[in-house]
Structures are given as structure tokens and as C-alpha cells.
């Protein structure tokens, strides 16, 4: 989501979720462990990707989008309303963004793996 933010003309804000619960920890499994839920909009791209409207994700960022740009469709939010999953409307290709670290062990983390498989399928 942070990388799409400039393209989406969005503003950031501080998150109210304790995304720093891992500070001082050195074990990557603890640092990148799922920390909170994300509610996805029914019928959206992410709900279709995951086959559910609720997922659990890791959380390390202290900021998130507060004011989405005109083409940004927020499809998932954390309990504190921080946007966690977004789509850029009318994008000519794969334009999904997430707040969590989806690069962490996609082979072991079903939420991360599903996103990477969708990306791989989109780029062929």
C-alpha cells in the first residue's frame, strides 16, 4: 500500500494498532507473526482471492493511508480502521496493495502465498 500511495494520491496517518509489539525481538517467526485481523469487503477482489471476508496478517508499520485517492478502493481494514488491502480502480494490470509484509514466507503463510500466486498469475 505504501508503494501505491503516491500513484493513488493518498495521505498517510499513524496507526492505532500496536504494530511494534515485536520490538526487541530477534526471531523472525515472532516478528512477522500474524498480529491482527483484517475485514475484507464481500464480493471484492481480496475476498475472492482468499475465499473469506476475514484474514489474519502480520503488522510492522506505524503508518497507513488516511485519505485514499480517487482511484483507490479500500477492500480491507484493520480493527482500528487502518486500510490494509486496496485495489487501484481501472488499473491496466495487477494493482493490489497491502499494508502487511506479504513477502514473509509465502510458502508457509497462506495469506501471503495466495497474494504472491495471484501476482505470478497476473504477470505470467
N, C-alpha and C. Protein backbone atom coordinates (compact mmCIF):
# COMPACT_ATOMS: atom_id res chain seq x y z
N UNK A 1 0.83 -1.18 0.00
CA UNK A 1 0.00 0.00 0.00
C UNK A 1 0.87 1.25 0.00
N UNK A 2 2.02 1.19 0.70
CA UNK A 2 2.90 2.36 0.73
C UNK A 2 3.46 2.68 -0.65
N UNK A 3 3.76 1.66 -1.44
CA UNK A 3 4.30 1.90 -2.77
C UNK A 3 3.23 2.43 -3.73
N UNK A 4 1.99 2.06 -3.51
CA UNK A 4 0.91 2.55 -4.36
C UNK A 4 0.41 3.92 -3.93
N UNK A 5 0.75 4.33 -2.72
CA UNK A 5 0.24 5.58 -2.17
C UNK A 5 0.49 6.78 -3.08
N UNK A 6 1.71 7.00 -3.58
CA UNK A 6 1.91 8.17 -4.44
C UNK A 6 1.07 8.10 -5.72
N UNK A 7 0.99 6.93 -6.30
CA UNK A 7 0.21 6.77 -7.53
C UNK A 7 -1.28 6.96 -7.26
N UNK A 8 -1.69 6.66 -6.04
CA UNK A 8 -3.11 6.74 -5.69
C UNK A 8 -3.47 8.09 -5.09
N UNK A 9 -2.51 9.00 -4.98
CA UNK A 9 -2.76 10.32 -4.43
C UNK A 9 -3.41 10.23 -3.05
N UNK A 10 -2.77 9.50 -2.15
CA UNK A 10 -3.33 9.26 -0.83
C UNK A 10 -2.47 9.91 0.25
N UNK A 11 -3.08 10.14 1.42
CA UNK A 11 -2.37 10.68 2.58
C UNK A 11 -2.17 9.58 3.61
N UNK A 12 -1.07 9.69 4.41
CA UNK A 12 -0.79 8.71 5.45
C UNK A 12 -1.20 9.25 6.82
N UNK A 13 -1.34 8.32 7.80
CA UNK A 13 -1.56 8.68 9.19
C UNK A 13 -0.95 7.61 10.07
N UNK A 14 -0.78 7.94 11.35
CA UNK A 14 -0.30 6.96 12.31
C UNK A 14 -1.40 5.96 12.62
N UNK A 15 -1.04 4.70 12.74
CA UNK A 15 -1.98 3.64 13.08
C UNK A 15 -2.19 3.60 14.58
N UNK A 16 -3.37 3.14 15.00
CA UNK A 16 -3.64 2.98 16.42
C UNK A 16 -3.40 1.55 16.90
N UNK A 17 -3.11 0.64 15.99
CA UNK A 17 -2.79 -0.74 16.38
C UNK A 17 -1.35 -0.79 16.87
N UNK A 18 -1.08 -1.61 17.89
CA UNK A 18 0.29 -1.78 18.36
C UNK A 18 1.06 -2.63 17.36
N UNK A 19 1.60 -1.98 16.37
CA UNK A 19 2.33 -2.68 15.32
C UNK A 19 3.80 -2.87 15.69
N UNK A 20 4.17 -2.41 16.84
CA UNK A 20 5.56 -2.53 17.27
C UNK A 20 5.72 -3.53 18.42
N UNK A 21 4.77 -4.42 18.59
CA UNK A 21 4.83 -5.41 19.66
C UNK A 21 6.04 -6.30 19.55
N UNK A 22 6.66 -6.34 18.39
CA UNK A 22 7.82 -7.19 18.14
C UNK A 22 9.14 -6.52 18.48
N UNK A 23 9.15 -5.24 18.88
CA UNK A 23 10.41 -4.52 19.09
C UNK A 23 11.27 -5.23 20.12
N UNK A 24 12.54 -5.35 19.82
CA UNK A 24 13.49 -6.03 20.68
C UNK A 24 13.58 -7.52 20.40
N UNK A 25 12.67 -8.02 19.60
CA UNK A 25 12.63 -9.44 19.26
C UNK A 25 13.61 -9.69 18.10
N UNK A 26 14.24 -10.85 18.10
CA UNK A 26 15.16 -11.20 17.01
C UNK A 26 14.67 -12.38 16.19
N UNK A 27 13.71 -13.13 16.70
CA UNK A 27 13.18 -14.29 15.99
C UNK A 27 12.22 -13.83 14.90
N UNK A 28 12.58 -14.11 13.64
CA UNK A 28 11.75 -13.67 12.51
C UNK A 28 10.33 -14.24 12.58
N UNK A 29 10.19 -15.45 13.12
CA UNK A 29 8.86 -16.05 13.23
C UNK A 29 7.97 -15.21 14.15
N UNK A 30 8.55 -14.63 15.19
CA UNK A 30 7.80 -13.79 16.12
C UNK A 30 7.56 -12.41 15.50
N UNK A 31 8.58 -11.86 14.89
CA UNK A 31 8.47 -10.52 14.29
C UNK A 31 7.37 -10.48 13.24
N UNK A 32 7.32 -11.49 12.38
CA UNK A 32 6.38 -11.49 11.27
C UNK A 32 5.13 -12.33 11.52
N UNK A 33 4.87 -12.69 12.77
CA UNK A 33 3.68 -13.48 13.10
C UNK A 33 2.41 -12.66 12.86
N UNK A 34 1.33 -13.31 12.49
CA UNK A 34 0.05 -12.58 12.37
C UNK A 34 -0.28 -11.90 13.70
N UNK A 35 -0.67 -10.61 13.64
CA UNK A 35 -0.93 -9.81 14.84
C UNK A 35 -2.35 -9.31 14.96
N UNK A 36 -3.04 -9.20 13.83
CA UNK A 36 -4.40 -8.66 13.90
C UNK A 36 -5.21 -9.10 12.68
N UNK A 37 -6.51 -8.96 12.81
CA UNK A 37 -7.40 -9.33 11.73
C UNK A 37 -7.62 -8.19 10.75
N UNK A 38 -8.05 -8.57 9.56
CA UNK A 38 -8.43 -7.63 8.52
C UNK A 38 -9.79 -8.08 7.99
N UNK A 39 -10.74 -7.18 8.01
CA UNK A 39 -12.07 -7.46 7.46
C UNK A 39 -12.09 -7.01 6.00
N UNK A 40 -12.44 -7.93 5.12
CA UNK A 40 -12.48 -7.66 3.68
C UNK A 40 -13.92 -7.45 3.23
N UNK A 41 -14.10 -6.59 2.21
CA UNK A 41 -15.46 -6.36 1.74
C UNK A 41 -15.95 -7.57 0.94
N UNK A 42 -17.15 -8.02 1.23
CA UNK A 42 -17.71 -9.16 0.49
C UNK A 42 -17.80 -8.84 -1.01
N UNK A 43 -17.43 -9.79 -1.82
CA UNK A 43 -17.50 -9.62 -3.27
C UNK A 43 -16.33 -8.88 -3.88
N UNK A 44 -15.38 -8.44 -3.06
CA UNK A 44 -14.22 -7.72 -3.56
C UNK A 44 -13.15 -8.64 -4.11
N UNK A 45 -12.13 -8.06 -4.69
CA UNK A 45 -11.02 -8.83 -5.24
C UNK A 45 -10.33 -9.66 -4.15
N UNK A 46 -10.06 -9.04 -3.00
CA UNK A 46 -9.37 -9.75 -1.93
C UNK A 46 -10.23 -10.87 -1.33
N UNK A 47 -11.52 -10.63 -1.13
CA UNK A 47 -12.40 -11.67 -0.60
C UNK A 47 -12.45 -12.84 -1.58
N UNK A 48 -12.44 -12.55 -2.86
CA UNK A 48 -12.40 -13.62 -3.87
C UNK A 48 -11.08 -14.36 -3.86
N UNK A 49 -10.00 -13.63 -3.68
CA UNK A 49 -8.67 -14.23 -3.64
C UNK A 49 -8.52 -15.18 -2.46
N UNK A 50 -9.04 -14.76 -1.30
CA UNK A 50 -8.88 -15.55 -0.08
C UNK A 50 -10.05 -16.47 0.23
N UNK A 51 -11.18 -16.28 -0.44
CA UNK A 51 -12.34 -17.12 -0.18
C UNK A 51 -12.97 -16.88 1.17
N UNK A 52 -12.74 -15.69 1.73
CA UNK A 52 -13.28 -15.33 3.05
C UNK A 52 -13.32 -13.81 3.17
N UNK A 53 -14.00 -13.32 4.18
CA UNK A 53 -14.03 -11.87 4.42
C UNK A 53 -13.25 -11.48 5.67
N UNK A 54 -12.47 -12.43 6.22
CA UNK A 54 -11.65 -12.14 7.41
C UNK A 54 -10.33 -12.90 7.29
N UNK A 55 -9.22 -12.16 7.40
CA UNK A 55 -7.90 -12.78 7.39
C UNK A 55 -7.09 -12.25 8.56
N UNK A 56 -6.02 -12.95 8.91
CA UNK A 56 -5.09 -12.52 9.95
C UNK A 56 -3.76 -12.22 9.28
N UNK A 57 -3.16 -11.07 9.63
CA UNK A 57 -1.93 -10.64 8.96
C UNK A 57 -0.88 -10.19 9.97
N UNK A 58 0.38 -10.15 9.51
CA UNK A 58 1.44 -9.59 10.33
C UNK A 58 1.32 -8.07 10.30
N UNK A 59 2.08 -7.42 11.13
CA UNK A 59 1.90 -5.98 11.25
C UNK A 59 3.16 -5.35 11.81
N UNK A 60 3.81 -4.54 10.99
CA UNK A 60 5.03 -3.88 11.44
C UNK A 60 5.03 -2.38 11.18
N UNK A 61 4.14 -1.90 10.37
CA UNK A 61 4.14 -0.48 10.02
C UNK A 61 3.42 0.36 11.05
N UNK A 62 3.86 1.58 11.25
CA UNK A 62 3.21 2.50 12.17
C UNK A 62 2.36 3.53 11.47
N UNK A 63 2.33 3.51 10.14
CA UNK A 63 1.53 4.47 9.40
C UNK A 63 0.66 3.75 8.39
N UNK A 64 -0.40 4.42 7.97
CA UNK A 64 -1.27 3.86 6.95
C UNK A 64 -2.00 4.98 6.22
N UNK A 65 -2.72 4.63 5.19
CA UNK A 65 -3.46 5.61 4.41
C UNK A 65 -4.65 6.12 5.21
N UNK A 66 -4.83 7.44 5.24
CA UNK A 66 -5.99 8.02 5.90
C UNK A 66 -6.96 8.60 4.88
N UNK A 67 -6.43 9.14 3.82
CA UNK A 67 -7.28 9.75 2.78
C UNK A 67 -6.91 9.14 1.44
N UNK A 68 -7.70 8.14 1.00
CA UNK A 68 -7.36 7.49 -0.27
C UNK A 68 -7.62 8.41 -1.46
N UNK A 69 -6.86 8.20 -2.50
CA UNK A 69 -7.06 8.94 -3.73
C UNK A 69 -8.32 8.48 -4.44
N UNK A 70 -8.67 9.16 -5.50
CA UNK A 70 -9.95 8.92 -6.18
C UNK A 70 -10.05 7.53 -6.81
N UNK A 71 -8.94 6.91 -7.17
CA UNK A 71 -8.98 5.59 -7.80
C UNK A 71 -8.75 4.45 -6.81
N UNK A 72 -8.52 4.78 -5.57
CA UNK A 72 -8.24 3.76 -4.56
C UNK A 72 -9.54 3.19 -4.03
N UNK A 73 -9.63 1.86 -4.08
CA UNK A 73 -10.77 1.15 -3.49
C UNK A 73 -10.23 0.40 -2.28
N UNK A 74 -10.64 0.82 -1.10
CA UNK A 74 -10.21 0.14 0.13
C UNK A 74 -11.07 -1.11 0.28
N UNK A 75 -10.43 -2.27 0.23
CA UNK A 75 -11.16 -3.53 0.33
C UNK A 75 -10.95 -4.25 1.65
N UNK A 76 -10.03 -3.78 2.47
CA UNK A 76 -9.80 -4.42 3.76
C UNK A 76 -9.32 -3.42 4.79
N UNK A 77 -9.86 -3.55 6.01
CA UNK A 77 -9.49 -2.65 7.11
C UNK A 77 -9.20 -3.44 8.37
N UNK A 78 -8.24 -2.91 9.16
CA UNK A 78 -7.94 -3.46 10.48
C UNK A 78 -9.00 -2.98 11.47
N UNK A 79 -8.93 -3.51 12.68
CA UNK A 79 -9.88 -3.13 13.71
C UNK A 79 -9.89 -1.63 13.99
N UNK A 80 -8.75 -0.97 13.82
CA UNK A 80 -8.68 0.48 14.07
C UNK A 80 -9.03 1.29 12.83
N UNK A 81 -9.56 0.66 11.82
CA UNK A 81 -10.00 1.22 10.52
C UNK A 81 -8.85 1.54 9.57
N UNK A 82 -7.61 1.23 9.94
CA UNK A 82 -6.49 1.44 9.02
C UNK A 82 -6.71 0.60 7.76
N UNK A 83 -6.64 1.22 6.59
CA UNK A 83 -6.74 0.43 5.35
C UNK A 83 -5.59 -0.56 5.26
N UNK A 84 -5.92 -1.82 5.00
CA UNK A 84 -4.92 -2.88 4.94
C UNK A 84 -4.82 -3.51 3.56
N UNK A 85 -5.90 -3.44 2.78
CA UNK A 85 -5.90 -4.05 1.44
C UNK A 85 -6.59 -3.08 0.49
N UNK A 86 -5.94 -2.79 -0.61
CA UNK A 86 -6.53 -1.84 -1.55
C UNK A 86 -6.31 -2.27 -2.99
N UNK A 87 -7.17 -1.76 -3.83
CA UNK A 87 -7.13 -2.01 -5.27
C UNK A 87 -7.15 -0.65 -5.96
N UNK A 88 -6.40 -0.50 -7.03
CA UNK A 88 -6.47 0.71 -7.84
C UNK A 88 -7.49 0.45 -8.94
N UNK A 89 -8.58 1.20 -8.91
CA UNK A 89 -9.66 1.02 -9.87
C UNK A 89 -9.17 1.29 -11.29
N UNK A 90 -9.63 0.48 -12.22
CA UNK A 90 -9.35 0.65 -13.64
C UNK A 90 -7.87 0.54 -14.00
N UNK A 91 -7.08 -0.09 -13.14
CA UNK A 91 -5.66 -0.27 -13.46
C UNK A 91 -5.54 -1.26 -14.62
N UNK A 92 -4.60 -1.05 -15.53
CA UNK A 92 -4.46 -1.94 -16.68
C UNK A 92 -3.83 -3.30 -16.34
N UNK A 93 -3.34 -3.45 -15.11
CA UNK A 93 -2.72 -4.71 -14.71
C UNK A 93 -2.92 -4.95 -13.23
N UNK A 94 -2.07 -5.78 -12.67
CA UNK A 94 -2.14 -6.13 -11.25
C UNK A 94 -1.87 -4.89 -10.42
N UNK A 95 -2.85 -4.43 -9.67
CA UNK A 95 -2.68 -3.23 -8.84
C UNK A 95 -3.36 -3.43 -7.50
N UNK A 96 -2.86 -4.43 -6.76
CA UNK A 96 -3.33 -4.70 -5.40
C UNK A 96 -2.24 -4.25 -4.45
N UNK A 97 -2.62 -3.65 -3.34
CA UNK A 97 -1.65 -3.23 -2.34
C UNK A 97 -2.08 -3.68 -0.96
N UNK A 98 -1.10 -4.00 -0.12
CA UNK A 98 -1.40 -4.42 1.25
C UNK A 98 -0.50 -3.68 2.22
N UNK A 99 -0.98 -3.53 3.43
CA UNK A 99 -0.23 -2.86 4.49
C UNK A 99 0.75 -3.81 5.17
N UNK A 100 0.44 -5.09 5.18
CA UNK A 100 1.28 -6.07 5.88
C UNK A 100 2.45 -6.50 5.00
N UNK A 101 3.35 -7.28 5.57
CA UNK A 101 4.53 -7.77 4.85
C UNK A 101 4.21 -9.10 4.20
N UNK A 102 3.66 -9.04 2.99
CA UNK A 102 3.27 -10.24 2.26
C UNK A 102 4.47 -11.02 1.73
N UNK A 103 5.64 -10.43 1.77
CA UNK A 103 6.83 -11.13 1.28
C UNK A 103 7.35 -12.16 2.28
N UNK A 104 6.84 -12.14 3.52
CA UNK A 104 7.34 -13.06 4.53
C UNK A 104 6.79 -14.46 4.33
N UNK A 105 7.67 -15.39 4.03
CA UNK A 105 7.38 -16.82 3.91
C UNK A 105 6.05 -17.14 3.22
N UNK A 106 5.90 -16.72 1.97
CA UNK A 106 4.65 -17.03 1.27
C UNK A 106 4.40 -18.53 1.10
N UNK A 107 5.44 -19.34 1.19
CA UNK A 107 5.27 -20.79 1.09
C UNK A 107 4.68 -21.38 2.38
N UNK A 108 4.77 -20.66 3.50
CA UNK A 108 4.24 -21.13 4.78
C UNK A 108 3.04 -20.34 5.28
N UNK A 109 2.87 -19.13 4.80
CA UNK A 109 1.80 -18.25 5.25
C UNK A 109 0.72 -18.22 4.17
N UNK A 110 -0.43 -18.85 4.39
CA UNK A 110 -1.46 -18.94 3.34
C UNK A 110 -1.92 -17.58 2.79
N UNK A 111 -2.04 -16.59 3.65
CA UNK A 111 -2.48 -15.26 3.18
C UNK A 111 -1.44 -14.67 2.24
N UNK A 112 -0.19 -14.77 2.63
CA UNK A 112 0.89 -14.23 1.79
C UNK A 112 1.05 -15.04 0.51
N UNK A 113 0.97 -16.35 0.63
CA UNK A 113 1.12 -17.22 -0.54
C UNK A 113 0.07 -16.97 -1.60
N UNK A 114 -1.17 -16.79 -1.18
CA UNK A 114 -2.26 -16.54 -2.13
C UNK A 114 -2.03 -15.25 -2.91
N UNK A 115 -1.54 -14.23 -2.22
CA UNK A 115 -1.28 -12.95 -2.90
C UNK A 115 -0.15 -13.09 -3.92
N UNK A 116 0.91 -13.80 -3.56
CA UNK A 116 2.02 -13.99 -4.48
C UNK A 116 1.63 -14.84 -5.67
N UNK A 117 0.80 -15.86 -5.45
CA UNK A 117 0.33 -16.68 -6.58
C UNK A 117 -0.53 -15.85 -7.53
N UNK A 118 -1.35 -14.95 -6.99
CA UNK A 118 -2.17 -14.07 -7.84
C UNK A 118 -1.27 -13.14 -8.64
N UNK A 119 -0.24 -12.61 -8.01
CA UNK A 119 0.71 -11.74 -8.72
C UNK A 119 1.41 -12.51 -9.83
N UNK A 120 1.89 -13.70 -9.52
CA UNK A 120 2.59 -14.53 -10.52
C UNK A 120 1.68 -14.85 -11.70
N UNK A 121 0.44 -15.15 -11.42
CA UNK A 121 -0.53 -15.46 -12.50
C UNK A 121 -0.78 -14.22 -13.36
N UNK A 122 -0.81 -13.06 -12.73
CA UNK A 122 -1.08 -11.81 -13.47
C UNK A 122 0.07 -11.43 -14.40
N UNK A 123 1.29 -11.71 -13.97
CA UNK A 123 2.44 -11.32 -14.80
C UNK A 123 2.89 -12.45 -15.72
N UNK A 124 2.29 -13.63 -15.54
CA UNK A 124 2.53 -14.76 -16.43
C UNK A 124 3.87 -15.34 -16.31
